[in-house]
Protein backbone atom coordinates (compact mmCIF):
# COMPACT_ATOMS: atom_id res chain seq x y z
CA MET A 1 6.57 29.59 -36.48
CA ALA A 2 5.86 30.62 -33.00
CA GLU A 3 7.27 33.72 -31.86
CA THR A 4 9.79 33.33 -28.84
CA PRO A 5 8.40 34.82 -25.85
CA THR A 6 9.95 38.24 -24.59
CA PRO A 7 11.41 38.28 -20.90
CA ASP A 8 8.61 40.80 -20.10
CA GLU A 9 6.15 38.15 -21.13
CA LEU A 10 7.74 35.38 -18.83
CA LEU A 11 8.11 37.97 -15.90
CA ALA A 12 4.48 38.81 -16.02
CA LEU A 13 3.54 34.85 -15.99
CA ARG A 14 6.00 34.33 -13.12
CA ASN A 15 4.69 37.13 -11.24
CA GLN A 16 1.16 35.49 -11.43
CA ILE A 17 2.49 32.26 -10.45
CA ASP A 18 3.97 33.92 -7.38
CA THR A 19 0.73 35.69 -6.38
CA VAL A 20 -1.23 32.32 -7.01
CA ASP A 21 1.08 30.65 -4.78
CA ARG A 22 0.54 32.99 -2.28
CA GLU A 23 -3.22 32.91 -2.10
CA LEU A 24 -2.78 28.96 -2.01
CA LEU A 25 -0.49 29.35 1.01
CA ALA A 26 -3.45 31.36 2.73
CA LEU A 27 -6.01 29.02 1.60
CA LEU A 28 -3.88 26.04 2.87
CA ASN A 29 -3.38 27.69 6.16
CA ARG A 30 -7.01 28.12 6.72
CA ARG A 31 -7.51 24.68 6.18
CA ALA A 32 -5.35 23.64 8.51
CA GLY A 33 -6.73 26.07 10.98
CA LEU A 34 -10.19 24.40 10.13
CA ALA A 35 -8.69 20.99 10.70
CA GLN A 36 -7.38 21.89 14.00
CA ALA A 37 -10.63 22.80 14.89
CA VAL A 38 -12.35 19.41 13.60
CA GLY A 39 -9.33 17.95 15.67
CA GLU A 40 -10.52 19.66 18.94
CA LEU A 41 -14.03 18.17 18.63
CA LYS A 42 -13.13 14.94 17.69
CA LYS A 43 -10.67 14.72 20.90
CA LYS A 44 -13.91 16.00 23.02
CA GLU A 45 -16.00 12.99 21.53
CA GLY A 46 -13.22 10.52 21.56
CA SER A 47 -13.23 9.85 17.93
CA VAL A 48 -10.32 8.84 15.96
CA VAL A 49 -8.00 11.35 13.77
CA PHE A 50 -7.51 9.45 10.66
CA ARG A 51 -10.77 8.31 8.73
CA PRO A 52 -10.11 6.85 5.26
CA GLU A 53 -13.46 6.41 3.99
CA ARG A 54 -13.48 10.43 4.43
CA GLU A 55 -10.52 10.96 2.65
CA ALA A 56 -11.41 8.79 -0.15
CA GLN A 57 -14.56 10.78 -0.30
CA VAL A 58 -12.54 14.08 -0.44
CA ILE A 59 -10.25 12.97 -3.46
CA ASP A 60 -13.38 11.47 -5.20
CA GLY A 61 -15.35 14.82 -5.01
CA LEU A 62 -12.43 16.94 -6.01
CA LYS A 63 -11.75 14.55 -9.02
CA ALA A 64 -15.30 14.61 -9.97
CA VAL A 65 -15.43 18.43 -10.39
CA ASN A 66 -11.85 19.04 -11.83
CA GLN A 67 -12.00 20.79 -14.92
CA GLY A 68 -8.24 20.91 -15.80
CA PRO A 69 -5.89 21.31 -16.96
CA LEU A 70 -4.36 19.51 -13.92
CA LYS A 71 -5.18 15.88 -14.67
CA SER A 72 -7.56 14.04 -12.53
CA GLU A 73 -4.85 11.48 -11.31
CA SER A 74 -2.74 14.51 -9.78
CA VAL A 75 -5.51 15.43 -7.70
CA ALA A 76 -4.67 12.38 -5.10
CA PRO A 77 -1.25 12.53 -4.49
CA ILE A 78 -1.61 16.50 -3.94
CA TRP A 79 -4.39 15.95 -1.48
CA ARG A 80 -3.23 13.40 0.28
CA GLU A 81 0.12 15.56 1.36
CA ILE A 82 -2.33 18.51 2.24
CA MET A 83 -4.60 16.32 4.63
CA SER A 84 -1.20 14.38 6.10
CA ALA A 85 0.00 17.90 6.80
CA CYS A 86 -2.98 18.72 8.43
CA ARG A 87 -3.62 15.54 10.44
CA ALA A 88 0.11 15.96 11.88
CA LEU A 89 -1.35 19.10 13.42
CA GLU A 90 -3.72 17.18 15.44
CA THR A 91 -1.20 14.59 16.51
CA PRO A 92 1.50 12.51 15.16
CA THR A 93 0.63 9.21 13.04
CA ARG A 94 3.02 6.40 13.55
CA VAL A 95 3.27 4.25 10.76
CA ALA A 96 4.97 0.69 10.67
CA TYR A 97 6.72 -0.79 7.09
CA LEU A 98 9.23 -2.82 5.96
CA GLY A 99 12.39 -0.97 5.98
CA PRO A 100 15.13 0.24 6.19
CA ALA A 101 14.55 3.59 4.07
CA GLY A 102 14.07 3.40 0.54
CA THR A 103 11.53 -0.02 0.01
CA PHE A 104 8.49 0.20 -1.83
CA SER A 105 6.62 -0.24 1.62
CA GLU A 106 7.95 2.72 2.56
CA LEU A 107 6.83 4.47 -0.64
CA ALA A 108 3.39 2.86 -0.23
CA ALA A 109 3.30 4.29 3.20
CA LEU A 110 4.20 7.72 2.04
CA GLY A 111 1.56 7.48 -0.75
CA PHE A 112 -1.41 6.54 1.57
CA PHE A 113 -0.52 8.84 4.19
CA GLY A 114 1.41 11.37 3.13
CA SER A 115 4.88 12.39 4.22
CA SER A 116 3.99 14.05 7.76
CA ILE A 117 4.10 10.85 9.60
CA VAL A 118 6.17 9.32 12.20
CA ARG A 119 8.24 6.59 9.94
CA VAL A 120 8.60 3.19 11.84
CA PRO A 121 10.78 1.05 9.47
CA CYS A 122 10.64 -2.60 10.50
CA ALA A 123 13.09 -5.78 9.76
CA SER A 124 10.42 -7.95 8.46
CA ILE A 125 6.74 -8.46 7.92
CA ASP A 126 6.42 -10.26 11.21
CA GLU A 127 7.86 -7.10 12.81
CA VAL A 128 5.38 -4.84 11.21
CA PHE A 129 2.59 -7.07 12.61
CA ARG A 130 3.98 -7.18 15.85
CA THR A 131 4.92 -3.18 16.30
CA THR A 132 1.49 -2.43 15.46
CA THR A 133 -0.32 -4.93 17.46
CA ALA A 134 1.63 -3.36 20.58
CA GLY A 135 0.97 -0.05 19.64
CA ALA A 136 4.17 1.06 19.22
CA ALA A 137 2.76 2.34 15.63
CA ASP A 138 -0.89 3.47 14.91
CA PHE A 139 -0.81 1.84 11.43
CA GLY A 140 1.30 -0.86 9.38
CA VAL A 141 1.77 -1.28 5.83
CA VAL A 142 2.50 -4.97 4.75
CA PRO A 143 2.45 -6.27 0.78
CA VAL A 144 -0.13 -8.58 0.19
CA GLU A 145 -0.39 -9.52 -3.88
CA ASN A 146 1.73 -8.56 -6.67
CA SER A 147 0.15 -9.01 -10.23
CA THR A 148 3.50 -11.01 -11.26
CA GLU A 149 4.02 -13.44 -8.10
CA GLY A 150 0.65 -13.54 -6.73
CA VAL A 151 -0.01 -13.20 -2.84
CA VAL A 152 2.61 -12.68 -0.31
CA ALA A 153 1.99 -15.64 1.76
CA ARG A 154 3.63 -14.26 5.06
CA SER A 155 1.11 -11.33 5.40
CA LEU A 156 -1.79 -13.64 4.75
CA ASP A 157 -0.80 -16.12 7.18
CA LEU A 158 -0.31 -13.50 10.11
CA PHE A 159 -4.10 -12.24 9.30
CA LEU A 160 -4.84 -15.60 10.88
CA THR A 161 -2.56 -15.14 14.05
CA THR A 162 -3.02 -11.39 14.63
CA PRO A 163 -6.04 -9.42 15.73
CA LEU A 164 -4.99 -6.61 13.05
CA PHE A 165 -7.48 -5.87 10.71
CA ILE A 166 -7.32 -3.80 7.22
CA ILE A 167 -8.55 0.03 6.92
CA GLY A 168 -7.19 0.80 3.71
CA GLU A 169 -5.14 -0.14 0.50
CA THR A 170 -3.15 1.24 -1.98
CA SER A 171 -1.26 -0.17 -4.91
CA LEU A 172 2.32 0.92 -6.27
CA PHE A 173 3.68 0.39 -9.50
CA VAL A 174 7.00 -1.22 -8.57
CA GLN A 175 9.88 -0.82 -11.15
CA HIS A 176 12.88 -2.92 -10.26
CA ASN A 177 16.42 -1.58 -11.14
CA LEU A 178 19.83 -3.38 -10.74
CA LEU A 179 22.01 -1.04 -8.27
CA ARG A 180 25.65 -1.30 -7.58
CA LYS A 181 28.53 0.90 -6.42
CA GLU A 182 30.33 0.28 -9.61
CA ASN A 183 28.62 1.37 -12.98
CA SER A 184 29.07 -1.96 -14.90
CA LEU A 185 27.58 -5.33 -14.65
CA HIS A 186 31.15 -7.10 -14.61
CA ASP A 187 32.64 -9.18 -11.41
CA ILE A 188 29.22 -9.34 -9.71
CA GLU A 189 29.62 -11.77 -7.04
CA ALA A 190 25.91 -11.76 -5.92
CA VAL A 191 22.58 -9.90 -6.29
CA CYS A 192 20.83 -9.57 -3.08
CA ALA A 193 16.94 -8.50 -3.11
CA HIS A 194 13.69 -9.69 -1.41
CA PRO A 195 12.56 -13.10 -2.83
CA GLN A 196 9.69 -11.57 -4.55
CA ALA A 197 11.91 -9.29 -6.35
CA LEU A 198 14.29 -11.99 -7.31
CA ALA A 199 11.31 -13.82 -8.93
CA GLN A 200 10.05 -10.55 -10.31
CA CYS A 201 13.35 -10.35 -12.33
CA HIS A 202 13.86 -13.93 -13.09
CA LEU A 203 14.10 -13.70 -16.64
CA TRP A 204 16.20 -10.35 -16.81
CA LEU A 205 18.68 -12.00 -14.59
CA SER A 206 18.62 -15.70 -16.44
CA ASN A 207 19.84 -13.51 -19.72
CA HIS A 208 22.16 -11.12 -18.17
CA LEU A 209 23.73 -12.67 -14.72
CA PRO A 210 23.27 -16.19 -15.73
CA ASN A 211 25.98 -17.42 -13.31
CA VAL A 212 25.58 -14.66 -10.85
CA GLU A 213 24.23 -16.03 -7.18
CA ARG A 214 20.81 -14.67 -6.28
CA ARG A 215 20.74 -14.16 -2.57
CA PRO A 216 17.60 -13.34 -0.87
CA VAL A 217 17.48 -10.89 2.06
CA ALA A 218 14.93 -9.10 4.38
CA SER A 219 14.22 -6.60 1.72
CA ASN A 220 15.29 -4.71 -1.48
CA ALA A 221 16.73 -1.69 0.90
CA GLU A 222 18.66 -4.14 2.80
CA GLY A 223 20.14 -5.54 -0.52
CA ALA A 224 20.99 -1.76 -1.62
CA ARG A 225 22.91 -1.33 1.78
CA LEU A 226 24.61 -4.44 1.64
CA ALA A 227 25.50 -3.44 -2.35
CA SER A 228 26.83 -0.05 -0.88
CA GLU A 229 29.41 -1.47 1.37
CA ASN A 230 30.66 -4.57 -1.05
CA PRO A 231 31.47 -3.67 -4.85
CA ARG A 232 31.02 -7.28 -5.62
CA LEU A 233 27.50 -7.04 -4.54
CA ALA A 234 24.25 -5.82 -6.83
CA GLY A 235 20.97 -4.84 -5.41
CA ILE A 236 17.83 -4.97 -6.64
CA ALA A 237 15.72 -1.67 -5.47
CA SER A 238 14.01 1.57 -6.36
CA GLU A 239 15.52 4.98 -7.74
CA ARG A 240 15.05 6.29 -4.23
CA ALA A 241 17.27 3.14 -2.55
CA ALA A 242 19.81 4.34 -5.06
CA SER A 243 19.81 7.84 -3.98
CA GLU A 244 19.74 6.80 -0.37
CA TYR A 245 22.64 4.68 -0.73
CA GLY A 246 24.60 6.13 -3.26
CA LEU A 247 24.54 3.71 -5.87
CA HIS A 248 24.46 3.43 -9.56
CA VAL A 249 21.34 2.34 -11.35
CA VAL A 250 23.42 -0.04 -13.74
CA ALA A 251 20.14 -1.35 -15.44
CA PRO A 252 16.81 0.14 -14.96
CA ALA A 253 13.59 -1.65 -15.01
CA ILE A 254 14.37 -4.82 -15.04
CA GLN A 255 11.11 -6.30 -13.61
CA ASP A 256 9.90 -9.48 -16.33
CA ASP A 257 6.33 -7.59 -16.24
CA PRO A 258 6.57 -3.84 -17.12
CA HIS A 259 3.05 -3.20 -15.93
CA ASN A 260 4.39 -4.96 -12.26
CA ARG A 261 2.26 -3.52 -9.34
CA THR A 262 2.08 -4.59 -5.84
CA ARG A 263 -0.97 -4.18 -3.38
CA PHE A 264 -0.50 -3.38 0.17
CA ALA A 265 -2.96 -3.16 3.18
CA ILE A 266 -3.01 -0.73 6.15
CA VAL A 267 -3.85 -2.48 9.04
CA THR A 268 -4.37 -1.46 12.66
CA HIS A 269 -5.73 -2.59 15.75
CA PRO A 270 -9.39 -2.56 16.34
CA ASP A 271 -9.04 -1.40 19.89
CA ARG A 272 -7.60 1.90 18.31
CA HIS A 273 -9.57 2.52 15.19
CA PRO A 274 -13.05 1.75 14.20
CA GLN A 275 -13.94 -0.02 11.13
CA PRO A 276 -14.21 2.49 8.11
CA LYS A 277 -17.96 3.35 7.23
CA ALA A 278 -19.17 2.91 3.72
CA SER A 279 -17.48 5.34 1.00
CA GLY A 280 -19.43 4.33 -1.68
CA HIS A 281 -16.79 2.16 -3.29
CA ASP A 282 -15.40 -0.27 -0.75
CA CYS A 283 -14.06 -3.89 -0.50
CA THR A 284 -14.67 -6.45 2.18
CA SER A 285 -11.90 -9.20 2.84
CA LEU A 286 -12.37 -12.44 4.65
CA VAL A 287 -10.90 -15.56 5.31
CA VAL A 288 -12.91 -18.51 5.84
CA SER A 289 -12.74 -22.50 5.88
CA VAL A 290 -15.09 -25.03 5.28
CA THR A 291 -15.35 -28.65 6.39
CA ASN A 292 -13.87 -31.43 4.06
CA ARG A 293 -17.08 -32.52 2.63
CA PRO A 294 -18.16 -32.94 -1.52
CA GLY A 295 -19.68 -29.67 -2.42
CA ALA A 296 -18.45 -27.47 0.45
CA VAL A 297 -16.76 -24.86 -1.42
CA HIS A 298 -19.68 -24.42 -3.95
CA ASP A 299 -22.19 -24.01 -0.70
CA MET A 300 -19.80 -21.42 0.58
CA LEU A 301 -20.09 -19.23 -2.70
CA VAL A 302 -24.13 -19.77 -2.83
CA PRO A 303 -24.72 -16.66 -0.82
CA LEU A 304 -22.41 -14.51 -2.75
CA LYS A 305 -24.24 -15.33 -5.88
CA HIS A 306 -27.91 -15.01 -4.29
CA TYR A 307 -27.28 -11.66 -3.06
CA GLY A 308 -25.52 -10.46 -5.54
CA VAL A 309 -22.19 -9.81 -4.23
CA SER A 310 -19.24 -9.62 -6.76
CA MET A 311 -15.97 -11.80 -5.51
CA SER A 312 -13.04 -9.95 -6.84
CA ARG A 313 -10.38 -12.30 -5.41
CA PHE A 314 -10.53 -15.93 -4.07
CA GLU A 315 -7.25 -17.46 -2.62
CA SER A 316 -6.50 -20.61 -0.86
CA ARG A 317 -3.72 -21.22 1.80
CA PRO A 318 -2.86 -24.54 3.50
CA ALA A 319 -4.10 -24.63 7.32
CA ARG A 320 -1.01 -26.82 8.26
CA SER A 321 -3.27 -29.20 9.92
CA GLY A 322 -1.95 -32.14 8.07
CA GLN A 323 -5.19 -32.87 7.03
CA TRP A 324 -5.13 -31.30 3.34
CA GLU A 325 -7.40 -28.22 4.57
CA TYR A 326 -7.15 -24.97 3.63
CA TYR A 327 -7.93 -21.38 4.29
CA PHE A 328 -9.75 -19.36 1.59
CA TYR A 329 -8.99 -15.49 1.24
CA ILE A 330 -12.11 -13.77 -0.29
CA ASP A 331 -12.50 -9.95 -1.26
CA VAL A 332 -15.85 -8.80 -2.25
CA GLN A 333 -17.27 -5.56 -3.57
CA GLY A 334 -19.29 -3.63 -1.23
CA HIS A 335 -19.56 -2.76 2.52
CA PRO A 336 -21.33 -4.65 5.39
CA ASP A 337 -23.39 -1.54 6.25
CA GLN A 338 -25.30 -2.33 2.72
CA ALA A 339 -28.20 -4.91 3.10
CA HIS A 340 -27.20 -7.42 0.62
CA VAL A 341 -23.51 -7.81 1.74
CA ALA A 342 -24.69 -7.75 5.51
CA GLN A 343 -27.13 -11.17 4.48
CA ALA A 344 -24.73 -12.46 2.06
CA LEU A 345 -21.86 -12.40 4.83
CA LYS A 346 -24.28 -13.77 7.30
CA GLU A 347 -25.28 -16.65 4.97
CA LEU A 348 -21.75 -17.19 4.33
CA ARG A 349 -20.45 -17.06 8.28
CA ASP A 350 -23.56 -19.90 8.63
CA VAL A 351 -21.79 -22.77 6.46
CA CYS A 352 -18.28 -22.10 7.34
CA ALA A 353 -16.19 -23.98 9.75
CA PHE A 354 -14.22 -20.64 10.33
CA PHE A 355 -14.93 -17.13 9.63
CA LYS A 356 -12.89 -14.08 10.34
CA LEU A 357 -13.58 -10.68 8.71
CA LEU A 358 -10.17 -9.08 7.79
CA GLY A 359 -11.77 -5.53 7.25
CA THR A 360 -13.69 -3.33 4.95
CA TYR A 361 -12.29 -0.37 3.78
CA PRO A 362 -12.26 2.13 0.26
CA ILE A 363 -10.96 0.51 -2.60
CA ASP A 364 -7.74 2.26 -3.77
CA VAL A 365 -7.87 5.72 -4.87
CA HIS A 366 -5.66 6.71 -7.52
């Protein structure tokens, strides 16, 4: 049987931790000073502060040399916060996302950029695009795909009509919770949530609240806000939203898929940020269309096969022309700075009636 540690042993270990903490603080301030020096050089040469490929390389490098006991998956969130705090010393980063406070989009923004940002909550995905296009935010965070419900159609459609392009991605484990002022499932008039969340919780709602109205709203956090004002309403949102609006988690983890994840794109205006350089593990996103003729889609994919470029996503969306034409949203592995990727994209462009590069960026670092 293990011996109970003595108070003196615990005190000695805590004193060692306090010493290490002070050493860490000194090192972090040293790093912040170096970051400030880098910022001054960037100002002189007119380059941007935030480089997603550089941050991805830093995190990858640290994970590669990590010897534990700190788990490698803990490295990315720790260093994102450190880099976020250092960036904030150079210039505040304004990030637009689907608000209000407590949405999964806000969690994605904080997970990607760290908490040292200026938050710009928006009422809709359209407003995120407008705010970022107008320059009121440096970057926007928009959901593009869910592991249960598939693509977020509105985000894909807006890529066609705005100049924004993708410079990063992040994915988020999405746990939906039923939130309410009363800690009970009784006497609920309606469940308010984003349509995607309502769809992702369809089975649970059908089994536990079969006769309750499902009321779509602009965001899950908006549903939580409404539930905080009306005891007959419930919302579907995160634990953060429950805390934000003073609600009970009446039923946790009600999503139909226990591994439910949402992928978010980080967007910006090309006039304010350059395309990220190759990081070594990159994704290139594009949208194309082809003339309506036999074999057109096959011909479109031939250059990718010929040059050995792997396709990781292929989605179609109606072109809304009334002619049964479609846009195809494609993700391929690699960066246009790589010769085989550049040649494949060149030949793909030649066989397409429409071709738009949506962005090239480091694959999500966990």
